[in-house]
Protein backbone atom coordinates (compact mmCIF):
# COMPACT_ATOMS: atom_id res chain seq x y z
CA MET A 1 86.53 84.59 158.69
CA LYS A 2 88.40 82.67 156.09
CA LYS A 3 85.60 80.79 154.68
CA THR A 4 83.88 83.71 154.31
CA VAL A 5 87.15 85.23 152.44
CA ILE A 6 87.47 82.21 150.26
CA LEU A 7 83.97 82.04 149.06
CA CYS A 8 83.64 85.58 148.49
CA LEU A 9 86.96 85.58 146.20
CA ALA A 10 85.18 82.24 144.73
CA LEU A 11 81.86 84.13 144.45
CA LEU A 12 83.44 87.53 142.62
CA ALA A 13 85.67 85.07 140.03
CA LEU A 14 82.61 83.35 139.09
CA LEU A 15 80.90 86.81 138.34
CA ALA A 16 83.79 88.72 137.10
CA ALA A 17 84.85 85.80 134.77
CA PRO A 18 82.06 86.17 131.94
CA ALA A 19 82.49 90.08 132.07
CA ILE A 20 85.96 89.95 131.41
CA GLY A 21 85.16 86.93 128.79
CA PHE A 22 82.65 88.96 127.16
CA ALA A 23 84.88 92.35 127.32
CA GLY A 24 87.87 90.59 125.21
CA GLN A 25 85.15 89.47 122.59
CA SER A 26 83.72 93.05 122.61
CA ASP A 27 87.32 94.01 120.93
CA ARG A 28 87.24 91.01 119.21
CA TRP A 29 83.97 92.36 117.46
CA ASP A 30 85.24 95.72 117.28
CA ARG A 31 88.32 94.62 115.31
CA ALA A 32 86.79 92.11 113.11
CA ASP A 33 84.28 95.30 112.05
CA ARG A 34 87.05 97.22 111.35
CA MET A 35 88.27 94.91 109.25
CA ARG A 36 85.30 94.50 107.60
CA GLU A 37 85.13 98.25 107.15
CA ARG A 38 88.57 98.92 105.59
CA ALA A 39 88.22 95.82 103.10
CA GLU A 40 85.14 97.19 101.93
CA LEU A 41 86.78 100.63 101.36
CA ARG A 42 89.54 98.83 99.29
CA ARG A 43 87.10 97.62 97.64
CA GLU A 44 85.84 100.72 96.47
CA ARG A 45 88.34 102.84 96.27
CA ARG A 46 89.41 99.92 93.57
CA GLU A 47 86.10 100.02 91.80
CA GLU A 48 86.95 104.06 91.63
CA LEU A 49 89.99 103.95 90.29
CA ARG A 50 89.11 101.13 87.80
CA ASP A 51 86.37 104.07 86.92
CA ARG A 52 88.80 106.53 86.35
CA ILE A 53 91.22 104.16 84.34
CA ARG A 54 87.78 103.62 82.29
CA ALA A 55 87.01 106.93 81.49
CA ARG A 56 90.21 107.87 80.78
CA ALA A 57 90.60 105.51 78.53
CA GLU A 58 87.57 106.60 76.78
CA ALA A 59 88.77 110.54 76.27
CA MET A 60 92.06 109.09 74.97
CA ARG A 61 90.30 106.87 72.39
CA GLU A 62 87.65 110.08 71.69
CA ARG A 63 90.74 112.11 71.04
CA LEU A 64 92.51 109.93 69.03
CA ARG A 65 89.04 109.55 66.86
CA VAL A 66 88.83 113.38 66.50
CA ARG A 67 92.46 113.43 65.42
CA HIS A 68 92.13 111.19 62.76
CA GLU A 69 89.00 112.34 61.68
CA GLN A 70 90.06 115.86 61.43
CA HIS A 71 93.41 114.48 59.53
CA TRP A 72 91.43 112.87 57.01
CA HIS A 73 89.20 115.71 56.94
CA THR A 74 92.34 118.52 56.42
CA HIS A 75 93.79 116.08 53.88
CA SER A 76 90.80 115.25 51.69
CA PHE A 77 89.99 119.24 51.90
CA ARG A 78 93.67 119.90 50.79
CA TYR A 79 93.23 117.38 47.66
CA ASP A 80 90.00 116.65 47.03
CA SER A 81 88.76 119.85 46.94
CA HIS A 82 88.49 121.25 43.73
CA GLU A 83 86.04 123.72 43.88
CA VAL A 84 87.86 125.45 47.28
CA ARG A 85 90.89 125.46 44.77
CA ASP A 86 89.13 127.04 42.06
CA ALA A 87 87.79 129.65 44.17
CA ILE A 88 90.59 130.26 45.64
CA ARG A 89 92.83 130.57 42.16
CA ASP A 90 89.83 132.70 40.81
CA ALA A 91 90.84 135.25 44.03
CA MET A 92 93.89 135.33 43.79
CA ARG A 93 93.37 136.37 39.69
CA ASP A 94 90.67 138.79 41.09
CA VAL A 95 93.50 140.38 43.63
CA ARG A 96 96.49 140.10 40.99
CA ARG A 97 94.33 141.84 38.47
CA GLU A 98 92.84 144.60 40.95
CA LEU A 99 96.25 145.44 42.12
CA ARG A 100 97.22 145.77 38.44
CA ASP A 101 94.77 148.40 37.67
CA ALA A 102 95.61 150.14 40.50
CA LEU A 103 99.22 150.45 40.05
CA ARG A 104 98.88 151.14 36.10
CA GLY A 105 96.18 154.01 37.53
CA ARG A 106 98.51 155.67 39.66
């Protein structure tokens, strides 16, 4: 009876040991997969962040370009446009003349 129990326990140990070992390895593989997935997720997040930073910088450059262009357009309109200045002067003359005629005609 003792020999049978010992032989059964030895046989059980021989069959159970690999199963326990493989179960532990399975957990290691799962952990490695999770770590790999987390690393991939971090990599994707970094790329998304870089893309957002690039897009933000591009938008800022475009805003500055338009601002600069608008500034010089306004500057040139204000000082270099003789036609506009002459048109405004003529319009003011016409308004003054019309007002003078209207007030004299009372």
